[in-house]
């Protein structure tokens, strides 16, 4: 369920940055789901599932690898996880849109 909602979230966030004179593609969340399904079927909701799963695996691995080290160096590891996850999130935006 996460990938379809992530896809809709990213697309709706992207339409928030439209220039003057451009109209929004989706009126609301449900309209976005309907349009995506109408255009590409249920499979269209899972575009980008590969990178999403990889992002989750990388994030989990970086967080769980050495819990004692994470406790000792929370700031350094936390910053690393945020930077890594943000970089992968940016790639997701390009894949979803």
N, C-alpha and C. Protein backbone atom coordinates (compact mmCIF):
# COMPACT_ATOMS: atom_id res chain seq x y z
N UNK A 1 0.81 -1.20 0.00
CA UNK A 1 0.00 0.00 0.00
C UNK A 1 0.85 1.27 0.00
N UNK A 2 2.09 1.16 0.40
CA UNK A 2 2.92 2.37 0.51
C UNK A 2 3.26 2.94 -0.86
N UNK A 3 3.61 2.11 -1.81
CA UNK A 3 4.04 2.63 -3.11
C UNK A 3 2.95 3.43 -3.82
N UNK A 4 1.70 2.97 -3.88
CA UNK A 4 0.67 3.81 -4.53
C UNK A 4 0.47 5.16 -3.85
N UNK A 5 0.47 5.17 -2.53
CA UNK A 5 0.29 6.44 -1.84
C UNK A 5 1.50 7.35 -2.01
N UNK A 6 2.69 6.75 -2.06
CA UNK A 6 3.91 7.53 -2.29
C UNK A 6 3.88 8.14 -3.69
N UNK A 7 3.44 7.37 -4.66
CA UNK A 7 3.34 7.86 -6.03
C UNK A 7 2.40 9.06 -6.11
N UNK A 8 1.23 8.93 -5.50
CA UNK A 8 0.25 10.02 -5.53
C UNK A 8 0.80 11.24 -4.78
N UNK A 9 1.44 11.01 -3.64
CA UNK A 9 2.03 12.12 -2.86
C UNK A 9 3.04 12.89 -3.69
N UNK A 10 3.94 12.17 -4.35
CA UNK A 10 4.99 12.82 -5.15
C UNK A 10 4.38 13.60 -6.31
N UNK A 11 3.42 13.01 -6.99
CA UNK A 11 2.79 13.70 -8.13
C UNK A 11 2.02 14.94 -7.68
N UNK A 12 1.34 14.84 -6.56
CA UNK A 12 0.59 16.01 -6.08
C UNK A 12 1.53 17.10 -5.57
N UNK A 13 2.65 16.71 -4.96
CA UNK A 13 3.63 17.71 -4.54
C UNK A 13 4.23 18.40 -5.75
N UNK A 14 4.50 17.64 -6.80
CA UNK A 14 5.09 18.21 -8.01
C UNK A 14 4.15 19.21 -8.67
N UNK A 15 2.86 18.95 -8.64
CA UNK A 15 1.93 19.88 -9.27
C UNK A 15 1.77 21.15 -8.45
N UNK A 16 2.22 21.14 -7.22
CA UNK A 16 2.19 22.34 -6.40
C UNK A 16 3.21 23.37 -6.83
N UNK A 17 4.14 22.98 -7.69
CA UNK A 17 5.19 23.88 -8.16
C UNK A 17 4.96 24.34 -9.60
N UNK A 18 3.71 24.34 -10.02
CA UNK A 18 3.39 24.77 -11.38
C UNK A 18 3.57 26.28 -11.52
N UNK A 19 3.90 26.67 -12.72
CA UNK A 19 4.07 28.10 -13.00
C UNK A 19 2.74 28.79 -13.23
N UNK A 20 2.79 30.10 -13.42
CA UNK A 20 1.56 30.85 -13.66
C UNK A 20 0.87 30.39 -14.94
N UNK A 21 -0.41 30.28 -14.89
CA UNK A 21 -1.18 29.89 -16.07
C UNK A 21 -1.32 28.39 -16.26
N UNK A 22 -0.59 27.60 -15.49
CA UNK A 22 -0.70 26.15 -15.61
C UNK A 22 -1.76 25.65 -14.64
N UNK A 23 -2.56 24.67 -15.09
CA UNK A 23 -3.61 24.14 -14.24
C UNK A 23 -3.16 22.84 -13.59
N UNK A 24 -3.70 22.59 -12.40
CA UNK A 24 -3.36 21.37 -11.69
C UNK A 24 -3.97 20.17 -12.40
N UNK A 25 -3.21 19.09 -12.42
CA UNK A 25 -3.66 17.86 -13.07
C UNK A 25 -4.66 17.10 -12.20
N UNK A 26 -4.43 17.12 -10.88
CA UNK A 26 -5.28 16.37 -9.96
C UNK A 26 -6.00 17.33 -9.01
N UNK A 27 -7.31 17.16 -8.89
CA UNK A 27 -8.10 18.00 -8.01
C UNK A 27 -7.89 17.63 -6.54
N UNK A 28 -7.78 16.31 -6.27
CA UNK A 28 -7.57 15.83 -4.91
C UNK A 28 -6.93 14.43 -4.97
N UNK A 29 -6.71 13.83 -3.82
CA UNK A 29 -6.05 12.52 -3.76
C UNK A 29 -6.82 11.45 -4.52
N UNK A 30 -8.11 11.41 -4.29
CA UNK A 30 -8.92 10.37 -4.95
C UNK A 30 -8.95 10.56 -6.46
N UNK A 31 -8.98 11.80 -6.91
CA UNK A 31 -8.94 12.07 -8.35
C UNK A 31 -7.61 11.61 -8.94
N UNK A 32 -6.53 11.79 -8.17
CA UNK A 32 -5.21 11.35 -8.64
C UNK A 32 -5.18 9.83 -8.78
N UNK A 33 -5.67 9.11 -7.76
CA UNK A 33 -5.73 7.65 -7.85
C UNK A 33 -6.54 7.22 -9.06
N UNK A 34 -7.71 7.83 -9.24
CA UNK A 34 -8.59 7.45 -10.35
C UNK A 34 -7.92 7.70 -11.70
N UNK A 35 -7.31 8.87 -11.87
CA UNK A 35 -6.68 9.18 -13.15
C UNK A 35 -5.50 8.24 -13.45
N UNK A 36 -4.71 7.94 -12.44
CA UNK A 36 -3.57 7.04 -12.64
C UNK A 36 -4.05 5.65 -13.02
N UNK A 37 -5.08 5.15 -12.33
CA UNK A 37 -5.62 3.83 -12.64
C UNK A 37 -6.27 3.82 -14.01
N UNK A 38 -7.02 4.87 -14.35
CA UNK A 38 -7.66 4.95 -15.67
C UNK A 38 -6.62 4.96 -16.79
N UNK A 39 -5.50 5.64 -16.56
CA UNK A 39 -4.48 5.77 -17.60
C UNK A 39 -3.64 4.51 -17.76
N UNK A 40 -3.34 3.80 -16.67
CA UNK A 40 -2.43 2.67 -16.79
C UNK A 40 -2.83 1.42 -16.05
N UNK A 41 -4.04 1.39 -15.49
CA UNK A 41 -4.48 0.22 -14.73
C UNK A 41 -3.84 0.21 -13.35
N UNK A 42 -4.12 -0.85 -12.61
CA UNK A 42 -3.59 -0.98 -11.25
C UNK A 42 -2.05 -1.03 -11.23
N UNK A 43 -1.46 -1.57 -12.29
CA UNK A 43 0.01 -1.66 -12.34
C UNK A 43 0.66 -0.28 -12.34
N UNK A 44 -0.05 0.71 -12.85
CA UNK A 44 0.50 2.07 -12.90
C UNK A 44 0.75 2.63 -11.50
N UNK A 45 0.02 2.13 -10.50
CA UNK A 45 0.23 2.59 -9.13
C UNK A 45 1.55 2.10 -8.55
N UNK A 46 2.12 1.08 -9.17
CA UNK A 46 3.34 0.48 -8.64
C UNK A 46 4.57 0.83 -9.47
N UNK A 47 4.48 1.87 -10.27
CA UNK A 47 5.66 2.35 -10.99
C UNK A 47 6.67 2.81 -9.96
N UNK A 48 7.89 2.34 -10.07
CA UNK A 48 8.93 2.75 -9.13
C UNK A 48 9.01 1.91 -7.88
N UNK A 49 8.37 0.74 -7.87
CA UNK A 49 8.41 -0.09 -6.66
C UNK A 49 9.83 -0.61 -6.39
N UNK A 50 10.60 -0.86 -7.45
CA UNK A 50 11.97 -1.34 -7.27
C UNK A 50 12.82 -0.36 -6.48
N UNK A 51 12.91 0.89 -6.92
CA UNK A 51 13.69 1.87 -6.16
C UNK A 51 13.15 2.10 -4.74
N UNK A 52 11.84 2.00 -4.56
CA UNK A 52 11.27 2.19 -3.23
C UNK A 52 11.73 1.08 -2.30
N UNK A 53 11.71 -0.16 -2.77
CA UNK A 53 12.15 -1.30 -1.96
C UNK A 53 13.64 -1.18 -1.68
N UNK A 54 14.42 -0.79 -2.68
CA UNK A 54 15.86 -0.64 -2.49
C UNK A 54 16.16 0.47 -1.48
N UNK A 55 15.43 1.57 -1.56
CA UNK A 55 15.61 2.67 -0.60
C UNK A 55 15.33 2.19 0.81
N UNK A 56 14.25 1.43 0.99
CA UNK A 56 13.90 0.92 2.31
C UNK A 56 14.97 -0.04 2.82
N UNK A 57 15.49 -0.89 1.94
CA UNK A 57 16.52 -1.84 2.35
C UNK A 57 17.80 -1.13 2.75
N UNK A 58 18.20 -0.13 1.97
CA UNK A 58 19.42 0.63 2.29
C UNK A 58 19.24 1.38 3.60
N UNK A 59 18.11 2.01 3.78
CA UNK A 59 17.86 2.76 5.00
C UNK A 59 17.87 1.84 6.21
N UNK A 60 17.20 0.70 6.10
CA UNK A 60 17.15 -0.25 7.21
C UNK A 60 18.54 -0.78 7.52
N UNK A 61 19.30 -1.11 6.48
CA UNK A 61 20.66 -1.63 6.70
C UNK A 61 21.55 -0.61 7.39
N UNK A 62 21.43 0.64 7.00
CA UNK A 62 22.26 1.67 7.63
C UNK A 62 21.83 1.94 9.06
N UNK A 63 20.57 1.72 9.37
CA UNK A 63 20.09 1.98 10.72
C UNK A 63 20.34 0.81 11.67
N UNK A 64 20.32 -0.41 11.16
CA UNK A 64 20.37 -1.59 12.01
C UNK A 64 21.77 -2.21 12.11
N UNK A 65 22.65 -1.89 11.21
CA UNK A 65 23.95 -2.56 11.12
C UNK A 65 24.62 -2.72 12.48
N UNK A 66 24.89 -1.67 13.15
CA UNK A 66 25.53 -1.73 14.47
C UNK A 66 24.80 -0.81 15.42
N UNK A 67 23.84 -1.37 16.14
CA UNK A 67 22.99 -0.55 17.00
C UNK A 67 23.80 0.15 18.09
N UNK A 68 24.87 -0.50 18.58
CA UNK A 68 25.70 0.14 19.61
C UNK A 68 26.43 1.36 19.05
N UNK A 69 26.93 1.23 17.83
CA UNK A 69 27.59 2.38 17.21
C UNK A 69 26.61 3.50 16.94
N UNK A 70 25.43 3.13 16.56
CA UNK A 70 24.41 4.16 16.30
C UNK A 70 24.11 4.92 17.58
N UNK A 71 24.02 4.19 18.69
CA UNK A 71 23.76 4.86 19.97
C UNK A 71 24.92 5.78 20.35
N UNK A 72 26.15 5.36 20.08
CA UNK A 72 27.31 6.17 20.45
C UNK A 72 27.49 7.36 19.51
N UNK A 73 27.21 7.15 18.25
CA UNK A 73 27.46 8.18 17.25
C UNK A 73 26.16 8.59 16.56
N UNK A 74 25.14 8.80 17.32
CA UNK A 74 23.81 9.06 16.75
C UNK A 74 23.79 10.22 15.77
N UNK A 75 24.49 11.26 16.07
CA UNK A 75 24.47 12.42 15.19
C UNK A 75 25.09 12.10 13.85
N UNK A 76 26.27 11.48 13.84
CA UNK A 76 26.95 11.17 12.58
C UNK A 76 26.16 10.17 11.74
N UNK A 77 25.70 9.10 12.34
CA UNK A 77 24.96 8.08 11.61
C UNK A 77 23.61 8.61 11.17
N UNK A 78 22.94 9.35 12.05
CA UNK A 78 21.64 9.92 11.69
C UNK A 78 21.75 10.86 10.51
N UNK A 79 22.78 11.68 10.51
CA UNK A 79 23.00 12.59 9.39
C UNK A 79 23.27 11.81 8.12
N UNK A 80 24.08 10.76 8.20
CA UNK A 80 24.37 9.92 7.04
C UNK A 80 23.10 9.29 6.48
N UNK A 81 22.25 8.76 7.36
CA UNK A 81 21.00 8.13 6.93
C UNK A 81 20.08 9.14 6.25
N UNK A 82 20.00 10.33 6.81
CA UNK A 82 19.14 11.36 6.23
C UNK A 82 19.64 11.75 4.84
N UNK A 83 20.94 11.97 4.71
CA UNK A 83 21.51 12.35 3.41
C UNK A 83 21.32 11.24 2.39
N UNK A 84 21.58 10.01 2.79
CA UNK A 84 21.43 8.87 1.88
C UNK A 84 19.98 8.71 1.46
N UNK A 85 19.06 8.74 2.42
CA UNK A 85 17.65 8.56 2.12
C UNK A 85 17.12 9.70 1.25
N UNK A 86 17.54 10.94 1.53
CA UNK A 86 17.09 12.08 0.74
C UNK A 86 17.56 11.94 -0.72
N UNK A 87 18.80 11.50 -0.91
CA UNK A 87 19.32 11.34 -2.27
C UNK A 87 18.50 10.32 -3.05
N UNK A 88 18.15 9.23 -2.39
CA UNK A 88 17.36 8.19 -3.06
C UNK A 88 15.94 8.69 -3.28
N UNK A 89 15.40 9.49 -2.36
CA UNK A 89 14.06 10.06 -2.51
C UNK A 89 13.98 10.96 -3.74
N UNK A 90 15.03 11.71 -4.00
CA UNK A 90 15.08 12.58 -5.19
C UNK A 90 15.00 11.73 -6.45
N UNK A 91 15.70 10.59 -6.45
CA UNK A 91 15.62 9.69 -7.61
C UNK A 91 14.20 9.16 -7.78
N UNK A 92 13.52 8.86 -6.68
CA UNK A 92 12.14 8.40 -6.75
C UNK A 92 11.25 9.41 -7.46
N UNK A 93 11.46 10.69 -7.16
CA UNK A 93 10.63 11.73 -7.77
C UNK A 93 10.78 11.69 -9.29
N UNK A 94 12.00 11.53 -9.79
CA UNK A 94 12.22 11.48 -11.23
C UNK A 94 11.59 10.23 -11.83
N UNK A 95 11.62 9.11 -11.12
CA UNK A 95 11.04 7.86 -11.64
C UNK A 95 9.52 7.94 -11.64
N UNK A 96 8.93 8.47 -10.57
CA UNK A 96 7.47 8.54 -10.47
C UNK A 96 6.88 9.52 -11.46
N UNK A 97 7.55 10.61 -11.69
CA UNK A 97 6.97 11.64 -12.54
C UNK A 97 7.33 11.37 -13.95
